[in-house]
Amino acid sequence: MMAPFWIASILLAVATINHNNNGIVQADILYAGIVYGTSGNNTPDTAEALDVCHKYGIRRIRIMETDDTAIQSLRSMGIEATLGIKDEDLPGLASSYEAAKSWFETNLKPYVPSEFVVNYIVVGNKVIPGPNAMYVLPTVKNLQQVLADNNLTQIKVATAVSTDVLRTVFPPSHAAFSEKAQGDLIPLLQHLQATDSPLFIDVYPYHYFAAGQIRQDFATFSTHKAQYWDKTLGYWNMYDVLVDAFFWAMEKLDLDVKMVIGETGWPAYGNGGLTTPELARTYNQNFLRHITAGQGTPKRPYTYREGFIYSMFNENDKSTGIDQWFGIFYTNKKPVYHLYFPYRKKYGRKGKSEKLFNTTG
């Protein structure tokens, strides 16, 4: 059997390619990672999850709820982290600089950047709109100030939203932020732009397919020509429609905030023939190809976008149905399906893929 690194590039996008002594291609710069959630009574703990990442060469992880176990497990693992702050912690962190400083001194100061790398801190998850929305911006500001005072401005502070903050996505040029979201979201976006910080967005073409609004090939990046037109912009897939809807909504406010795909994925079970391991593999594989290729979207072509596939494990404490079945791994840490990594044609790979998961052992 090949060394574990033959799975290594599961969620990577390549900027420079090297070869190790075994001739296995390695990627130096990463554009994608995996989301680690813990909504399951049998979900492997953070230490086990990071061991899985290490085994399979996954070098970026988004940890939804940061705690001491997560922090200690990250130490000296060589895995870049995006750390989530729990929704219920926002009121306290928003209340004062000292509260944010205390969080930083407990969770990051002893270890960053000497023992592990943090790329982003995500303040709350889809709390806009909602009762905790008012706490997002002051929490972001407090944490940014603490990071600046400790010469760690390379760590960006963000929040995550879903397409629920949009009035519509069809056509994307008609997209605008909903009245419920505007009050808290617009000042936040203005601040994110001013501080060169990103907005994490959730993008799930599956939901539009399951609702009968789009075809399967359009949902899974499997078309061979543009299927939907918005004026002069031709769309080959629903993912681009959703990303561009955010671009259009921000443009109407004279804003241009960097976006990271905070979550995307496809359930392997839970809704009959609409959710199979093969469909999940197809979507996630094509998502990796899409962001690796640097094609951007019709509105913003030729751009790279970072992203995280949801989720690392199936989570049985989620609501019954598809939400339990987004995992790339079963909770016994075996892969659910094969994935392949396509290298960028720019570097002479001509679309050749490297096998990542050997589910047969």
Protein backbone atom coordinates (compact mmCIF):
# COMPACT_ATOMS: atom_id res chain seq x y z
CA MET A 1 0.00 0.00 0.00
CA MET A 2 1.22 3.50 -0.76
CA ALA A 3 2.22 5.81 2.07
CA PRO A 4 -0.63 7.71 3.76
CA PHE A 5 0.30 10.85 1.87
CA TRP A 6 -1.18 9.46 -1.34
CA ILE A 7 -4.48 10.63 0.17
CA ALA A 8 -2.85 13.86 1.16
CA SER A 9 -4.33 16.40 -1.19
CA ILE A 10 -7.97 15.72 -0.29
CA LEU A 11 -8.94 19.35 0.01
CA LEU A 12 -6.07 21.29 -1.44
CA ALA A 13 -5.61 23.75 -4.23
CA VAL A 14 -2.16 24.02 -5.65
CA ALA A 15 0.04 27.05 -6.11
CA THR A 16 3.37 25.23 -6.34
CA ILE A 17 4.00 21.53 -6.86
CA ASN A 18 6.91 19.53 -5.49
CA HIS A 19 7.68 15.82 -5.50
CA ASN A 20 8.77 13.89 -2.46
CA ASN A 21 11.26 11.04 -2.52
CA ASN A 22 8.51 8.59 -3.45
CA GLY A 23 7.43 10.64 -6.44
CA ILE A 24 4.16 11.60 -4.77
CA VAL A 25 2.90 15.03 -5.74
CA GLN A 26 2.57 17.47 -2.85
CA ALA A 27 0.76 20.80 -2.77
CA ASP A 28 2.31 23.80 -1.06
CA ILE A 29 -0.62 26.20 -0.85
CA LEU A 30 -4.11 25.17 0.13
CA TYR A 31 -7.42 26.65 -0.85
CA ALA A 32 -9.82 24.20 0.75
CA GLY A 33 -10.35 22.28 3.95
CA ILE A 34 -12.90 20.32 5.92
CA VAL A 35 -15.44 21.29 8.58
CA TYR A 36 -15.31 19.45 11.88
CA GLY A 37 -18.62 19.52 13.73
CA THR A 38 -19.50 17.66 16.90
CA SER A 39 -23.28 17.26 16.73
CA GLY A 40 -23.18 13.53 17.29
CA ASN A 41 -23.10 11.27 20.31
CA ASN A 42 -20.49 9.07 18.65
CA THR A 43 -18.49 11.71 16.80
CA PRO A 44 -14.73 11.24 17.25
CA ASP A 45 -13.29 13.90 19.53
CA THR A 46 -11.03 16.66 18.26
CA ALA A 47 -7.84 14.75 18.91
CA GLU A 48 -9.12 11.78 16.90
CA ALA A 49 -10.38 14.08 14.15
CA LEU A 50 -6.99 15.71 13.84
CA ASP A 51 -5.34 12.30 13.74
CA VAL A 52 -7.59 11.49 10.77
CA CYS A 53 -6.53 14.76 9.14
CA HIS A 54 -2.90 13.91 9.73
CA LYS A 55 -3.34 10.37 8.39
CA TYR A 56 -4.97 11.53 5.18
CA GLY A 57 -2.94 14.68 4.70
CA ILE A 58 -5.81 17.11 5.28
CA ARG A 59 -4.03 20.31 6.21
CA ARG A 60 -6.88 22.74 6.81
CA ILE A 61 -9.75 22.33 9.26
CA ARG A 62 -12.61 24.51 10.41
CA ILE A 63 -13.48 23.68 14.00
CA MET A 64 -17.01 24.84 14.65
CA GLU A 65 -16.76 25.12 18.42
CA THR A 66 -13.36 25.87 19.90
CA ASP A 67 -12.51 24.48 23.33
CA ASP A 68 -9.38 23.53 25.24
CA THR A 69 -9.40 20.01 23.79
CA ALA A 70 -9.33 21.44 20.27
CA ILE A 71 -6.54 23.86 21.11
CA GLN A 72 -4.38 21.25 22.79
CA SER A 73 -4.97 18.79 19.95
CA LEU A 74 -3.87 21.29 17.31
CA ARG A 75 -0.46 21.80 18.88
CA SER A 76 2.39 20.69 16.61
CA MET A 77 0.05 18.86 14.20
CA GLY A 78 0.94 20.99 11.19
CA ILE A 79 -2.75 21.60 10.41
CA GLU A 80 -3.99 25.11 9.72
CA ALA A 81 -7.07 26.01 11.74
CA THR A 82 -10.15 28.13 11.42
CA LEU A 83 -11.62 28.47 14.90
CA GLY A 84 -15.30 28.98 15.63
CA ILE A 85 -16.70 30.90 18.59
CA LYS A 86 -19.96 29.55 19.97
CA ASP A 87 -23.08 31.64 19.45
CA GLU A 88 -23.77 31.72 23.18
CA ASP A 89 -20.33 33.22 23.86
CA LEU A 90 -20.95 36.30 21.72
CA PRO A 91 -22.69 38.51 24.32
CA GLY A 92 -19.76 38.17 26.71
CA LEU A 93 -17.08 38.75 24.07
CA ALA A 94 -19.00 41.72 22.69
CA SER A 95 -19.20 43.34 26.10
CA SER A 96 -15.59 44.47 26.40
CA TYR A 97 -12.05 44.40 25.10
CA GLU A 98 -11.04 42.66 28.32
CA ALA A 99 -13.41 39.76 27.64
CA ALA A 100 -11.92 39.26 24.17
CA LYS A 101 -8.41 39.56 25.62
CA SER A 102 -9.21 36.85 28.17
CA TRP A 103 -10.44 34.51 25.40
CA PHE A 104 -7.29 35.17 23.40
CA GLU A 105 -4.94 34.66 26.35
CA THR A 106 -6.62 31.36 27.20
CA ASN A 107 -6.94 29.90 23.72
CA LEU A 108 -4.28 31.39 21.48
CA LYS A 109 -1.53 33.41 23.15
CA PRO A 110 0.49 30.46 24.51
CA TYR A 111 0.46 28.58 21.21
CA VAL A 112 0.11 30.87 18.17
CA PRO A 113 2.00 31.09 15.93
CA SER A 114 4.76 28.95 17.49
CA GLU A 115 2.77 25.69 17.73
CA PHE A 116 0.00 25.98 15.14
CA VAL A 117 -1.39 28.35 12.53
CA VAL A 118 -4.77 30.03 12.78
CA ASN A 119 -6.08 31.57 9.56
CA TYR A 120 -9.52 32.73 10.69
CA ILE A 121 -11.66 33.15 13.77
CA VAL A 122 -15.35 32.82 12.90
CA VAL A 123 -17.60 34.74 15.27
CA GLY A 124 -20.88 32.85 15.52
CA ASN A 125 -22.44 30.63 12.87
CA LYS A 126 -25.41 31.93 10.92
CA VAL A 127 -26.59 34.18 13.73
CA ILE A 128 -27.58 36.94 11.30
CA PRO A 129 -30.49 37.49 11.30
CA GLY A 130 -31.37 36.51 14.84
CA PRO A 131 -31.23 37.48 18.51
CA ASN A 132 -27.42 37.24 18.71
CA ALA A 133 -26.84 39.24 15.53
CA MET A 134 -26.26 42.48 17.45
CA TYR A 135 -23.21 40.98 19.16
CA VAL A 136 -21.30 39.99 16.03
CA LEU A 137 -19.79 43.34 15.05
CA PRO A 138 -18.61 44.36 18.55
CA THR A 139 -17.12 40.88 19.04
CA VAL A 140 -15.30 41.15 15.71
CA LYS A 141 -13.93 44.57 16.67
CA ASN A 142 -12.81 43.46 20.12
CA LEU A 143 -11.01 40.40 18.80
CA GLN A 144 -9.38 42.36 15.99
CA GLN A 145 -8.02 44.86 18.48
CA VAL A 146 -6.63 42.11 20.70
CA LEU A 147 -4.96 40.44 17.71
CA ALA A 148 -3.51 43.77 16.56
CA ASP A 149 -2.11 44.43 20.03
CA ASN A 150 -0.35 41.07 19.84
CA ASN A 151 0.99 41.55 16.29
CA LEU A 152 -1.28 38.84 14.87
CA THR A 153 -3.20 40.81 12.27
CA GLN A 154 -2.62 37.96 9.79
CA ILE A 155 -5.41 36.15 11.68
CA LYS A 156 -8.63 37.46 10.18
CA VAL A 157 -11.88 37.66 12.13
CA ALA A 158 -15.09 36.82 10.27
CA THR A 159 -18.64 35.59 10.71
CA ALA A 160 -20.65 33.04 8.75
CA VAL A 161 -24.00 33.52 7.02
CA SER A 162 -26.24 31.41 4.83
CA THR A 163 -28.27 32.32 1.77
CA ASP A 164 -31.09 33.11 4.21
CA VAL A 165 -29.68 36.65 4.36
CA LEU A 166 -30.62 37.11 0.68
CA ARG A 167 -34.07 38.03 -0.60
CA THR A 168 -33.58 35.99 -3.77
CA VAL A 169 -30.86 34.25 -5.74
CA PHE A 170 -32.70 33.97 -9.09
CA PRO A 171 -31.49 35.73 -11.08
CA PRO A 172 -28.32 36.51 -9.14
CA SER A 173 -28.25 40.08 -10.46
CA HIS A 174 -31.53 40.68 -8.58
CA ALA A 175 -30.09 39.53 -5.27
CA ALA A 176 -30.23 41.88 -2.29
CA PHE A 177 -29.96 41.42 1.43
CA SER A 178 -33.20 40.81 3.28
CA GLU A 179 -34.73 43.48 5.50
CA LYS A 180 -34.29 41.20 8.52
CA ALA A 181 -30.56 40.89 7.89
CA GLN A 182 -29.70 44.41 6.73
CA GLY A 183 -29.61 46.18 10.08
CA ASP A 184 -26.83 44.03 11.49
CA LEU A 185 -25.23 42.79 8.28
CA ILE A 186 -24.56 46.03 6.42
CA PRO A 187 -22.49 47.71 9.18
CA LEU A 188 -20.63 44.44 9.62
CA LEU A 189 -19.84 44.19 5.89
CA GLN A 190 -18.64 47.78 5.86
CA HIS A 191 -16.28 47.00 8.72
CA LEU A 192 -15.07 43.74 7.14
CA GLN A 193 -14.24 45.58 3.95
CA ALA A 194 -12.42 48.34 5.82
CA THR A 195 -10.29 45.78 7.69
CA ASP A 196 -9.70 43.42 4.73
CA SER A 197 -11.58 40.65 6.52
CA PRO A 198 -13.78 38.00 4.89
CA LEU A 199 -17.38 36.91 5.09
CA PHE A 200 -17.93 33.15 5.35
CA ILE A 201 -20.89 32.01 3.26
CA ASP A 202 -22.72 28.68 3.15
CA VAL A 203 -23.40 27.40 -0.36
CA TYR A 204 -25.63 24.34 -0.80
CA PRO A 205 -26.87 23.65 -4.34
CA TYR A 206 -28.32 20.39 -3.00
CA HIS A 207 -31.22 22.23 -1.35
CA TYR A 208 -32.33 23.77 -4.64
CA PHE A 209 -32.08 20.41 -6.38
CA ALA A 210 -34.05 18.64 -3.65
CA ALA A 211 -36.74 21.33 -3.89
CA GLY A 212 -37.12 20.63 -7.61
CA GLN A 213 -35.86 24.05 -8.66
CA ILE A 214 -32.84 22.89 -10.65
CA ARG A 215 -31.60 19.79 -12.43
CA GLN A 216 -29.12 17.35 -10.96
CA ASP A 217 -26.40 18.15 -13.49
CA PHE A 218 -26.72 21.87 -12.76
CA ALA A 219 -26.48 21.15 -9.02
CA THR A 220 -23.40 18.92 -9.27
CA PHE A 221 -21.20 20.88 -11.73
CA SER A 222 -21.96 18.26 -14.40
CA THR A 223 -23.24 20.35 -17.31
CA HIS A 224 -21.28 20.85 -20.53
CA LYS A 225 -22.54 24.31 -21.37
CA ALA A 226 -24.30 27.24 -19.76
CA GLN A 227 -27.79 26.25 -18.61
CA TYR A 228 -28.99 29.49 -17.06
CA TRP A 229 -28.50 33.03 -18.27
CA ASP A 230 -28.59 36.23 -16.30
CA LYS A 231 -28.38 38.89 -18.99
CA THR A 232 -25.00 38.24 -20.60
CA LEU A 233 -23.69 35.93 -17.88
CA GLY A 234 -24.02 32.22 -18.54
CA TYR A 235 -24.12 29.80 -15.61
CA TRP A 236 -22.99 26.22 -15.82
CA ASN A 237 -23.75 25.37 -12.18
CA MET A 238 -25.80 26.45 -9.18
CA TYR A 239 -22.75 27.06 -7.00
CA ASP A 240 -21.76 30.01 -9.18
CA VAL A 241 -25.32 31.37 -9.06
CA LEU A 242 -25.23 31.42 -5.27
CA VAL A 243 -21.77 32.96 -4.97
CA ASP A 244 -22.60 35.63 -7.53
CA ALA A 245 -25.85 36.43 -5.73
CA PHE A 246 -23.71 37.55 -2.77
CA PHE A 247 -21.48 39.58 -5.08
CA TRP A 248 -24.50 41.34 -6.60
CA ALA A 249 -26.09 42.01 -3.20
CA MET A 250 -22.88 43.62 -1.96
CA GLU A 251 -22.31 45.56 -5.15
CA LYS A 252 -25.67 47.27 -4.70
CA LEU A 253 -24.25 48.65 -1.44
CA ASP A 254 -20.92 49.65 -3.01
CA LEU A 255 -19.24 46.87 -1.08
CA ASP A 256 -16.72 44.26 -2.19
CA VAL A 257 -15.96 41.95 0.73
CA LYS A 258 -13.77 38.90 0.29
CA MET A 259 -15.75 35.67 0.67
CA VAL A 260 -14.75 32.25 1.92
CA ILE A 261 -17.00 29.25 1.33
CA GLY A 262 -17.63 28.39 4.97
CA GLU A 263 -19.62 25.26 4.17
CA THR A 264 -20.61 23.30 1.11
CA GLY A 265 -21.35 19.64 0.58
CA TRP A 266 -23.87 16.97 -0.31
CA PRO A 267 -25.50 14.35 1.91
CA ALA A 268 -24.73 10.73 1.07
CA TYR A 269 -27.96 9.40 2.62
CA GLY A 270 -31.28 10.59 4.01
CA ASN A 271 -33.43 11.44 0.98
CA GLY A 272 -33.63 8.39 -1.24
CA GLY A 273 -32.10 8.63 -4.68
CA LEU A 274 -31.32 12.31 -4.24
CA THR A 275 -28.71 11.48 -1.62
CA THR A 276 -26.28 8.73 -2.52
CA PRO A 277 -22.55 8.33 -1.90
CA GLU A 278 -22.00 8.65 -5.65
CA LEU A 279 -23.87 11.95 -5.88
CA ALA A 280 -22.07 13.25 -2.79
CA ARG A 281 -18.74 12.22 -4.29
CA THR A 282 -19.62 13.85 -7.62
CA TYR A 283 -20.56 17.16 -6.04
CA ASN A 284 -17.61 17.36 -3.67
CA GLN A 285 -15.16 16.20 -6.33
CA ASN A 286 -16.40 18.78 -8.80
CA PHE A 287 -16.36 21.49 -6.15
CA LEU A 288 -12.68 20.72 -5.56
CA ARG A 289 -11.98 20.88 -9.28
CA HIS A 290 -13.87 24.13 -9.57
CA ILE A 291 -11.99 26.03 -6.89
CA THR A 292 -8.68 24.45 -7.89
CA ALA A 293 -9.05 25.57 -11.50
CA GLY A 294 -9.29 29.23 -10.53
CA GLN A 295 -12.10 29.84 -13.01
CA GLY A 296 -14.00 32.01 -10.58
CA THR A 297 -17.66 32.73 -11.36
CA PRO A 298 -19.32 34.41 -14.35
CA LYS A 299 -19.39 37.71 -12.47
CA ARG A 300 -15.89 37.31 -11.02
CA PRO A 301 -13.88 35.10 -13.38
CA TYR A 302 -10.30 33.94 -12.89
CA THR A 303 -10.30 34.15 -9.12
CA TYR A 304 -9.46 31.59 -6.45
CA ARG A 305 -11.76 31.12 -3.53
CA GLU A 306 -11.05 29.30 -0.29
CA GLY A 307 -13.63 26.82 0.92
CA PHE A 308 -14.51 24.09 3.39
CA ILE A 309 -16.41 20.90 2.62
CA TYR A 310 -19.04 20.02 5.18
CA SER A 311 -18.60 17.73 6.99
CA MET A 312 -15.81 15.58 8.30
CA PHE A 313 -18.07 13.03 10.03
CA ASN A 314 -21.73 12.09 9.96
CA GLU A 315 -23.48 13.67 12.96
CA ASN A 316 -26.39 11.74 14.43
CA ASP A 317 -27.54 14.47 16.82
CA LYS A 318 -28.55 16.66 13.90
CA SER A 319 -32.23 16.74 13.00
CA THR A 320 -33.42 13.48 11.45
CA GLY A 321 -32.83 13.25 7.72
CA ILE A 322 -30.13 14.59 5.45
CA ASP A 323 -28.43 16.78 8.07
CA GLN A 324 -27.01 13.65 9.69
CA TRP A 325 -25.33 12.40 6.52
CA PHE A 326 -22.96 15.02 5.12
CA GLY A 327 -19.84 13.29 6.43
CA ILE A 328 -16.90 12.39 4.22
CA PHE A 329 -15.98 9.90 6.92
CA TYR A 330 -18.12 7.54 8.93
CA THR A 331 -17.73 7.91 12.68
CA ASN A 332 -15.52 4.79 12.62
CA LYS A 333 -13.13 7.05 10.65
CA LYS A 334 -13.47 5.09 7.41
CA PRO A 335 -14.07 7.12 4.22
CA VAL A 336 -17.65 7.16 2.92
CA TYR A 337 -16.55 7.39 -0.74
CA HIS A 338 -13.57 8.02 -3.00
CA LEU A 339 -12.34 11.48 -3.84
CA TYR A 340 -9.77 12.55 -6.40
CA PHE A 341 -7.65 15.67 -6.50
CA PRO A 342 -7.17 17.42 -9.87
CA TYR A 343 -3.94 19.34 -10.26
CA ARG A 344 -3.97 22.72 -11.87
CA LYS A 345 -3.36 22.56 -15.62
CA LYS A 346 -1.09 25.59 -15.28
CA TYR A 347 1.53 23.27 -13.86
CA GLY A 348 1.39 20.75 -16.63
CA ARG A 349 -0.81 18.11 -15.02
CA LYS A 350 -3.36 18.35 -17.86
CA GLY A 351 -6.23 17.59 -15.56
CA LYS A 352 -4.70 14.35 -14.29
CA SER A 353 -6.12 13.26 -10.95
CA GLU A 354 -4.54 11.51 -8.02
CA LYS A 355 -6.54 8.90 -6.09
CA LEU A 356 -7.24 10.00 -2.56
CA PHE A 357 -9.42 7.54 -0.69
CA ASN A 358 -8.90 3.80 -0.70
CA THR A 359 -12.17 2.76 0.90
CA THR A 360 -11.38 -0.88 0.27
CA GLY A 361 -8.54 -0.63 2.79
